[in-house]
Protein backbone atom coordinates (compact mmCIF):
# COMPACT_ATOMS: atom_id res chain seq x y z
CA MET A 1 0.00 0.00 0.00
CA LEU A 2 1.29 3.47 -0.86
CA THR A 3 1.72 6.04 1.88
CA PRO A 4 -1.04 8.68 1.61
CA GLY A 5 0.19 12.09 0.49
CA ARG A 6 3.38 10.77 -1.06
CA ILE A 7 4.15 10.61 -4.75
CA TYR A 8 6.31 7.80 -6.06
CA VAL A 9 8.10 7.20 -9.35
CA ASN A 10 5.77 5.73 -11.99
CA SER A 11 2.62 6.45 -9.98
CA THR A 12 -0.10 8.50 -11.64
CA ARG A 13 -0.62 12.06 -10.46
CA ARG A 14 -3.69 13.97 -11.62
CA ILE A 15 -2.91 17.63 -12.20
CA ALA A 16 -6.00 19.75 -12.86
CA VAL A 17 -6.77 23.33 -13.82
CA ASN A 18 -9.88 25.48 -14.17
CA PHE A 19 -10.16 28.38 -16.64
CA GLN A 20 -12.59 31.26 -16.01
CA ASP A 21 -13.28 34.61 -17.58
CA ASP A 22 -13.32 37.96 -15.75
CA ASP A 23 -16.86 37.25 -14.51
CA TRP A 24 -15.78 33.95 -12.88
CA THR A 25 -17.64 31.91 -15.50
CA ASP A 26 -15.99 28.68 -16.62
CA VAL A 27 -14.75 28.97 -20.21
CA ASP A 28 -12.86 26.84 -22.70
CA PRO A 29 -9.77 28.68 -23.97
CA THR A 30 -8.74 28.62 -27.62
CA THR A 31 -5.64 26.59 -26.70
CA VAL A 32 -4.66 24.76 -23.51
CA THR A 33 -1.08 23.63 -22.94
CA PHE A 34 0.50 21.68 -20.08
CA LYS A 35 4.26 21.51 -19.57
CA ALA A 36 6.17 19.44 -17.01
CA TYR A 37 9.82 20.09 -16.19
CA SER A 38 11.62 17.08 -14.70
CA PRO A 39 14.35 17.19 -12.05
CA SER A 40 16.88 16.35 -14.78
CA GLY A 41 15.71 19.23 -16.99
CA ILE A 42 13.53 17.44 -19.53
CA VAL A 43 10.38 19.30 -20.63
CA THR A 44 7.27 17.32 -21.59
CA THR A 45 4.51 19.24 -23.38
CA TYR A 46 0.87 18.27 -23.92
CA VAL A 47 -1.60 20.31 -26.00
CA TYR A 48 -5.37 19.82 -25.78
CA ALA A 49 -6.90 18.24 -28.91
CA THR A 50 -3.44 17.12 -30.01
CA ASP A 51 -2.26 14.92 -27.13
CA ALA A 52 -4.53 12.31 -25.52
CA GLU A 53 -2.89 12.88 -22.12
CA LEU A 54 -4.56 16.31 -21.76
CA ILE A 55 -8.26 15.78 -21.06
CA ARG A 56 -11.22 18.18 -20.93
CA ALA A 57 -13.52 17.10 -18.09
CA ASN A 58 -16.10 19.88 -18.38
CA THR A 59 -16.35 23.50 -19.52
CA GLY A 60 -13.17 25.16 -18.26
CA ASP A 61 -11.92 22.04 -16.46
CA TYR A 62 -8.88 20.19 -17.78
CA TYR A 63 -6.47 17.67 -16.33
CA VAL A 64 -3.47 15.52 -17.11
CA GLU A 65 -2.88 12.04 -15.73
CA PHE A 66 0.86 12.54 -15.35
CA VAL A 67 3.30 9.72 -14.53
CA PRO A 68 6.63 11.06 -13.22
CA ASP A 69 9.53 8.82 -14.16
CA GLU A 70 12.16 10.10 -11.73
CA SER A 71 12.40 11.31 -8.15
CA GLY A 72 12.92 14.92 -7.16
CA ARG A 73 11.11 18.24 -7.59
CA TRP A 74 8.94 18.54 -10.69
CA HIS A 75 7.62 21.86 -12.00
CA TYR A 76 4.56 22.26 -14.19
CA ARG A 77 2.83 25.03 -16.08
CA TRP A 78 -0.65 25.37 -17.51
CA SER A 79 -1.11 28.04 -20.15
CA SER A 80 -3.97 29.11 -22.37
CA THR A 81 -4.77 31.56 -25.14
CA GLY A 82 -7.97 33.22 -26.23
CA THR A 83 -9.93 36.37 -25.56
CA GLY A 84 -10.49 36.76 -21.82
CA THR A 85 -8.79 33.47 -21.04
CA ALA A 86 -5.08 34.01 -21.68
CA THR A 87 -3.43 32.91 -18.47
CA ALA A 88 -0.72 30.79 -16.91
CA LEU A 89 -0.59 28.81 -13.70
CA GLU A 90 2.50 27.11 -12.31
CA GLY A 91 3.12 24.63 -9.53
CA THR A 92 5.48 21.98 -8.19
CA PHE A 93 5.38 18.57 -6.59
CA VAL A 94 8.03 16.29 -5.14
CA VAL A 95 8.46 12.65 -6.10
CA GLN A 96 9.93 10.53 -3.31
CA SER A 97 13.33 8.91 -3.72
CA SER A 98 13.22 5.14 -4.05
CA ILE A 99 16.02 2.63 -3.90
CA PHE A 100 14.15 0.76 -6.65
CA TYR A 101 14.45 3.64 -9.15
CA ASP A 102 17.38 5.74 -7.96
CA ASP A 103 21.05 4.90 -7.71
CA PRO A 104 21.35 2.65 -4.64
CA ALA A 105 24.97 3.74 -4.24
CA SER A 106 23.94 7.36 -3.54
CA ASP A 107 24.31 8.79 -0.04
CA ALA A 108 20.50 8.96 0.30
CA TYR A 109 20.43 5.26 1.16
CA ARG A 110 23.33 5.00 3.58
């Protein structure tokens, strides 16, 4: 059983966003993009209607079922374009170190 509140390598993490206009009404932007920046500096990009990983759940509500493949601090960014909806939102999450995925010779496991 996984420890609640912890994120592990190769476990799915749902990252969601909600887009609204100036009147707080949910809206679908012209474009929606999700980018994830790995601890080793690799950028993964998903674009709605191009990549199956980026899903529209409802008007204004989008999410990605993201599977981090390495431990460390991940950064992500949602961005959109369109009249009244151009915005960006960034965040981070930490994936726990694991002797099963990381170098067992590192000092983290001594």
